[in-house]
């Protein structure tokens, strides 16, 4: 009786390992598919798309993972076949590096120009005469207010 329970327990562990292993494989397939652009519906990732080509690509990702390929090797595989545009996040090298850094540089330059402008403006207001109004000026303001 105890041997029977032990055998059933070992079989259960084996099946759970298969289930968890396949779940891990599916997670990796989804993770990699999310990094690839769908060639037929370019606004979506391969993970999100149900297009035939995307389904084939997901199957190919699964096959490459089963062959022991790494994520980088799989992304390289698709990049060689479709070009760099297949990657949803372009590599940070060459002209792409400039495109990645350009927004930050624009913001930095804008902040520096704004600081310089405000600093200059604050220095210019220091020389403005802020002495109290004379009696004639006060009378003029009162007259103007009465006319309103």
C-alpha atoms as a PDB file:
ATOM      1  CA  UNK A   1       0.000   0.000   0.000  1.00  0.00           C
ATOM      2  CA  UNK A   2       2.800   2.435   0.869  1.00  0.00           C
ATOM      3  CA  UNK A   3       4.628   1.634  -2.386  1.00  0.00           C
ATOM      4  CA  UNK A   4       1.495   2.452  -4.348  1.00  0.00           C
ATOM      5  CA  UNK A   5       1.245   5.883  -2.654  1.00  0.00           C
ATOM      6  CA  UNK A   6       4.929   6.496  -3.271  1.00  0.00           C
ATOM      7  CA  UNK A   7       4.582   5.629  -6.979  1.00  0.00           C
ATOM      8  CA  UNK A   8       1.520   7.884  -7.334  1.00  0.00           C
ATOM      9  CA  UNK A   9       3.364  10.668  -5.513  1.00  0.00           C
ATOM     10  CA  UNK A  10       6.377  10.379  -7.841  1.00  0.00           C
ATOM     11  CA  UNK A  11       4.128  10.365 -10.922  1.00  0.00           C
ATOM     12  CA  UNK A  12       2.366  13.482  -9.586  1.00  0.00           C
ATOM     13  CA  UNK A  13       5.685  15.249  -9.101  1.00  0.00           C
ATOM     14  CA  UNK A  14       6.707  14.343 -12.652  1.00  0.00           C
ATOM     15  CA  UNK A  15       3.497  15.759 -14.141  1.00  0.00           C
ATOM     16  CA  UNK A  16       3.715  18.927 -12.070  1.00  0.00           C
ATOM     17  CA  UNK A  17       7.285  19.418 -13.296  1.00  0.00           C
ATOM     18  CA  UNK A  18       6.062  19.137 -16.876  1.00  0.00           C
ATOM     19  CA  UNK A  19       3.253  21.613 -16.214  1.00  0.00           C
ATOM     20  CA  UNK A  20       5.488  24.149 -14.524  1.00  0.00           C
ATOM     21  CA  UNK A  21       8.174  23.655 -17.169  1.00  0.00           C
ATOM     22  CA  UNK A  22       5.715  24.329 -19.989  1.00  0.00           C
ATOM     23  CA  UNK A  23       4.333  27.342 -18.112  1.00  0.00           C
ATOM     24  CA  UNK A  24       7.858  28.717 -17.788  1.00  0.00           C
ATOM     25  CA  UNK A  25       8.411  28.084 -21.512  1.00  0.00           C
ATOM     26  CA  UNK A  26       5.191  29.954 -22.383  1.00  0.00           C
ATOM     27  CA  UNK A  27       6.251  32.888 -20.195  1.00  0.00           C
ATOM     28  CA  UNK A  28       9.585  33.076 -22.009  1.00  0.00           C
ATOM     29  CA  UNK A  29       7.844  32.847 -25.413  1.00  0.00           C
ATOM     30  CA  UNK A  30       5.483  35.701 -24.431  1.00  0.00           C
ATOM     31  CA  UNK A  31       8.388  37.760 -23.078  1.00  0.00           C
ATOM     32  CA  UNK A  32      10.395  37.443 -26.300  1.00  0.00           C
ATOM     33  CA  UNK A  33       7.314  37.849 -28.533  1.00  0.00           C
ATOM     34  CA  UNK A  34       6.557  41.129 -26.755  1.00  0.00           C
ATOM     35  CA  UNK A  35       9.924  42.489 -27.925  1.00  0.00           C
ATOM     36  CA  UNK A  36       9.124  41.808 -31.601  1.00  0.00           C
ATOM     37  CA  UNK A  37       6.899  43.899 -33.881  1.00  0.00           C
ATOM     38  CA  UNK A  38       4.196  42.072 -35.840  1.00  0.00           C
ATOM     39  CA  UNK A  39       5.111  42.315 -39.558  1.00  0.00           C
ATOM     40  CA  UNK A  40       1.475  42.319 -40.715  1.00  0.00           C
ATOM     41  CA  UNK A  41      -0.066  44.607 -38.073  1.00  0.00           C
ATOM     42  CA  UNK A  42       2.821  46.899 -37.208  1.00  0.00           C
ATOM     43  CA  UNK A  43       1.083  48.700 -34.353  1.00  0.00           C
ATOM     44  CA  UNK A  44       1.154  45.518 -32.255  1.00  0.00           C
ATOM     45  CA  UNK A  45       3.742  43.176 -30.852  1.00  0.00           C
ATOM     46  CA  UNK A  46       3.920  39.535 -31.916  1.00  0.00           C
ATOM     47  CA  UNK A  47       2.651  38.670 -28.417  1.00  0.00           C
ATOM     48  CA  UNK A  48      -0.539  40.746 -28.865  1.00  0.00           C
ATOM     49  CA  UNK A  49      -1.241  39.795 -32.474  1.00  0.00           C
ATOM     50  CA  UNK A  50      -3.322  36.871 -33.676  1.00  0.00           C
ATOM     51  CA  UNK A  51      -2.180  37.224 -37.289  1.00  0.00           C
ATOM     52  CA  UNK A  52      -0.993  34.027 -38.946  1.00  0.00           C
ATOM     53  CA  UNK A  53       2.571  35.258 -39.296  1.00  0.00           C
ATOM     54  CA  UNK A  54       2.686  36.199 -35.603  1.00  0.00           C
ATOM     55  CA  UNK A  55       1.432  32.764 -34.606  1.00  0.00           C
ATOM     56  CA  UNK A  56       4.175  31.223 -36.767  1.00  0.00           C
ATOM     57  CA  UNK A  57       6.750  33.513 -35.156  1.00  0.00           C
ATOM     58  CA  UNK A  58       5.620  32.480 -31.656  1.00  0.00           C
ATOM     59  CA  UNK A  59       5.940  28.824 -32.679  1.00  0.00           C
ATOM     60  CA  UNK A  60       9.432  29.510 -34.065  1.00  0.00           C
ATOM     61  CA  UNK A  61      10.399  31.253 -30.784  1.00  0.00           C
ATOM     62  CA  UNK A  62       9.221  28.171 -28.887  1.00  0.00           C
ATOM     63  CA  UNK A  63      11.263  25.886 -31.175  1.00  0.00           C
ATOM     64  CA  UNK A  64      14.388  28.018 -30.788  1.00  0.00           C
ATOM     65  CA  UNK A  65      13.993  28.005 -26.997  1.00  0.00           C
ATOM     66  CA  UNK A  66      13.670  24.222 -27.046  1.00  0.00           C
ATOM     67  CA  UNK A  67      16.900  24.099 -29.068  1.00  0.00           C
ATOM     68  CA  UNK A  68      18.574  25.965 -26.214  1.00  0.00           C
ATOM     69  CA  UNK A  69      18.915  29.369 -27.898  1.00  0.00           C
ATOM     70  CA  UNK A  70      19.145  32.435 -25.668  1.00  0.00           C
ATOM     71  CA  UNK A  71      16.835  35.446 -25.899  1.00  0.00           C
ATOM     72  CA  UNK A  72      19.534  37.512 -27.627  1.00  0.00           C
ATOM     73  CA  UNK A  73      20.135  34.763 -30.184  1.00  0.00           C
ATOM     74  CA  UNK A  74      16.403  34.537 -30.934  1.00  0.00           C
ATOM     75  CA  UNK A  75      16.072  38.312 -31.354  1.00  0.00           C
ATOM     76  CA  UNK A  76      19.137  38.251 -33.617  1.00  0.00           C
ATOM     77  CA  UNK A  77      17.522  35.425 -35.644  1.00  0.00           C
ATOM     78  CA  UNK A  78      14.448  37.555 -36.376  1.00  0.00           C
ATOM     79  CA  UNK A  79      16.491  40.720 -36.930  1.00  0.00           C
ATOM     80  CA  UNK A  80      18.560  38.948 -39.621  1.00  0.00           C
ATOM     81  CA  UNK A  81      15.379  37.889 -41.451  1.00  0.00           C
ATOM     82  CA  UNK A  82      13.257  41.056 -41.111  1.00  0.00           C
ATOM     83  CA  UNK A  83      15.720  43.838 -40.358  1.00  0.00           C
ATOM     84  CA  UNK A  84      16.132  46.000 -37.276  1.00  0.00           C
ATOM     85  CA  UNK A  85      12.606  47.420 -37.564  1.00  0.00           C
ATOM     86  CA  UNK A  86      11.235  44.065 -36.280  1.00  0.00           C
ATOM     87  CA  UNK A  87      12.588  44.980 -32.827  1.00  0.00           C
ATOM     88  CA  UNK A  88      10.102  47.081 -30.863  1.00  0.00           C
ATOM     89  CA  UNK A  89      12.975  48.705 -28.990  1.00  0.00           C
ATOM     90  CA  UNK A  90      15.832  49.543 -31.389  1.00  0.00           C
ATOM     91  CA  UNK A  91      19.409  48.910 -30.366  1.00  0.00           C
ATOM     92  CA  UNK A  92      21.171  51.776 -28.638  1.00  0.00           C
ATOM     93  CA  UNK A  93      24.074  52.164 -31.062  1.00  0.00           C
ATOM     94  CA  UNK A  94      24.901  54.267 -34.104  1.00  0.00           C
ATOM     95  CA  UNK A  95      22.155  56.625 -35.283  1.00  0.00           C
ATOM     96  CA  UNK A  96      19.712  54.956 -32.876  1.00  0.00           C
ATOM     97  CA  UNK A  97      21.885  56.095 -29.962  1.00  0.00           C
ATOM     98  CA  UNK A  98      21.442  59.685 -31.143  1.00  0.00           C
ATOM     99  CA  UNK A  99      17.674  59.171 -31.342  1.00  0.00           C
ATOM    100  CA  UNK A 100      17.656  57.736 -27.807  1.00  0.00           C
ATOM    101  CA  UNK A 101      19.673  60.645 -26.351  1.00  0.00           C
ATOM    102  CA  UNK A 102      18.256  63.531 -28.412  1.00  0.00           C
ATOM    103  CA  UNK A 103      15.119  64.128 -26.283  1.00  0.00           C
ATOM    104  CA  UNK A 104      17.200  64.308 -23.115  1.00  0.00           C
ATOM    105  CA  UNK A 105      19.655  66.708 -24.737  1.00  0.00           C
ATOM    106  CA  UNK A 106      16.815  68.937 -25.950  1.00  0.00           C
ATOM    107  CA  UNK A 107      15.316  69.068 -22.461  1.00  0.00           C
ATOM    108  CA  UNK A 108      18.722  69.833 -20.899  1.00  0.00           C
ATOM    109  CA  UNK A 109      19.466  72.650 -23.373  1.00  0.00           C
ATOM    110  CA  UNK A 110      15.969  74.097 -22.872  1.00  0.00           C
ATOM    111  CA  UNK A 111      16.428  74.123 -19.091  1.00  0.00           C
ATOM    112  CA  UNK A 112      19.833  75.816 -19.425  1.00  0.00           C
ATOM    113  CA  UNK A 113      18.420  78.487 -21.748  1.00  0.00           C
ATOM    114  CA  UNK A 114      15.495  79.092 -19.362  1.00  0.00           C
ATOM    115  CA  UNK A 115      17.842  79.425 -16.368  1.00  0.00           C
ATOM    116  CA  UNK A 116      20.051  81.869 -18.278  1.00  0.00           C
ATOM    117  CA  UNK A 117      17.005  83.912 -19.365  1.00  0.00           C
ATOM    118  CA  UNK A 118      15.566  84.083 -15.838  1.00  0.00           C
ATOM    119  CA  UNK A 119      18.948  84.947 -14.343  1.00  0.00           C
ATOM    120  CA  UNK A 120      19.421  87.768 -16.877  1.00  0.00           C
ATOM    121  CA  UNK A 121      15.885  89.027 -16.311  1.00  0.00           C
ATOM    122  CA  UNK A 122      16.396  89.087 -12.533  1.00  0.00           C
ATOM    123  CA  UNK A 123      19.598  91.125 -12.998  1.00  0.00           C
ATOM    124  CA  UNK A 124      17.788  93.565 -15.301  1.00  0.00           C
ATOM    125  CA  UNK A 125      15.033  94.255 -12.735  1.00  0.00           C
ATOM    126  CA  UNK A 126      17.604  95.233 -10.095  1.00  0.00           C
ATOM    127  CA  UNK A 127      18.244  98.560 -11.858  1.00  0.00           C
ATOM    128  CA  UNK A 128      14.556  99.599 -12.003  1.00  0.00           C
ATOM    129  CA  UNK A 129      13.681 102.658  -9.902  1.00  0.00           C
ATOM    130  CA  UNK A 130      11.234 101.615  -7.200  1.00  0.00           C
ATOM    131  CA  UNK A 131      11.166 104.883  -5.214  1.00  0.00           C
ATOM    132  CA  UNK A 132       7.817 106.030  -3.815  1.00  0.00           C
ATOM    133  CA  UNK A 133       5.502 108.060  -6.047  1.00  0.00           C
ATOM    134  CA  UNK A 134       5.659 111.820  -5.869  1.00  0.00           C
ATOM    135  CA  UNK A 135       2.634 113.864  -4.762  1.00  0.00           C
ATOM    136  CA  UNK A 136       2.007 114.943  -8.352  1.00  0.00           C
ATOM    137  CA  UNK A 137       1.993 111.353  -9.543  1.00  0.00           C
ATOM    138  CA  UNK A 138      -0.404 110.343  -6.766  1.00  0.00           C
ATOM    139  CA  UNK A 139      -2.792 113.204  -7.719  1.00  0.00           C
ATOM    140  CA  UNK A 140      -2.649 112.157 -11.337  1.00  0.00           C
ATOM    141  CA  UNK A 141      -3.584 108.567 -10.422  1.00  0.00           C
ATOM    142  CA  UNK A 142      -6.474 109.796  -8.215  1.00  0.00           C
ATOM    143  CA  UNK A 143      -7.776 112.000 -11.056  1.00  0.00           C
ATOM    144  CA  UNK A 144      -7.575 109.117 -13.485  1.00  0.00           C
ATOM    145  CA  UNK A 145      -9.471 106.846 -11.078  1.00  0.00           C
ATOM    146  CA  UNK A 146     -12.223 109.466 -10.579  1.00  0.00           C
ATOM    147  CA  UNK A 147     -12.712 109.684 -14.328  1.00  0.00           C
ATOM    148  CA  UNK A 148     -13.368 105.951 -14.484  1.00  0.00           C
END
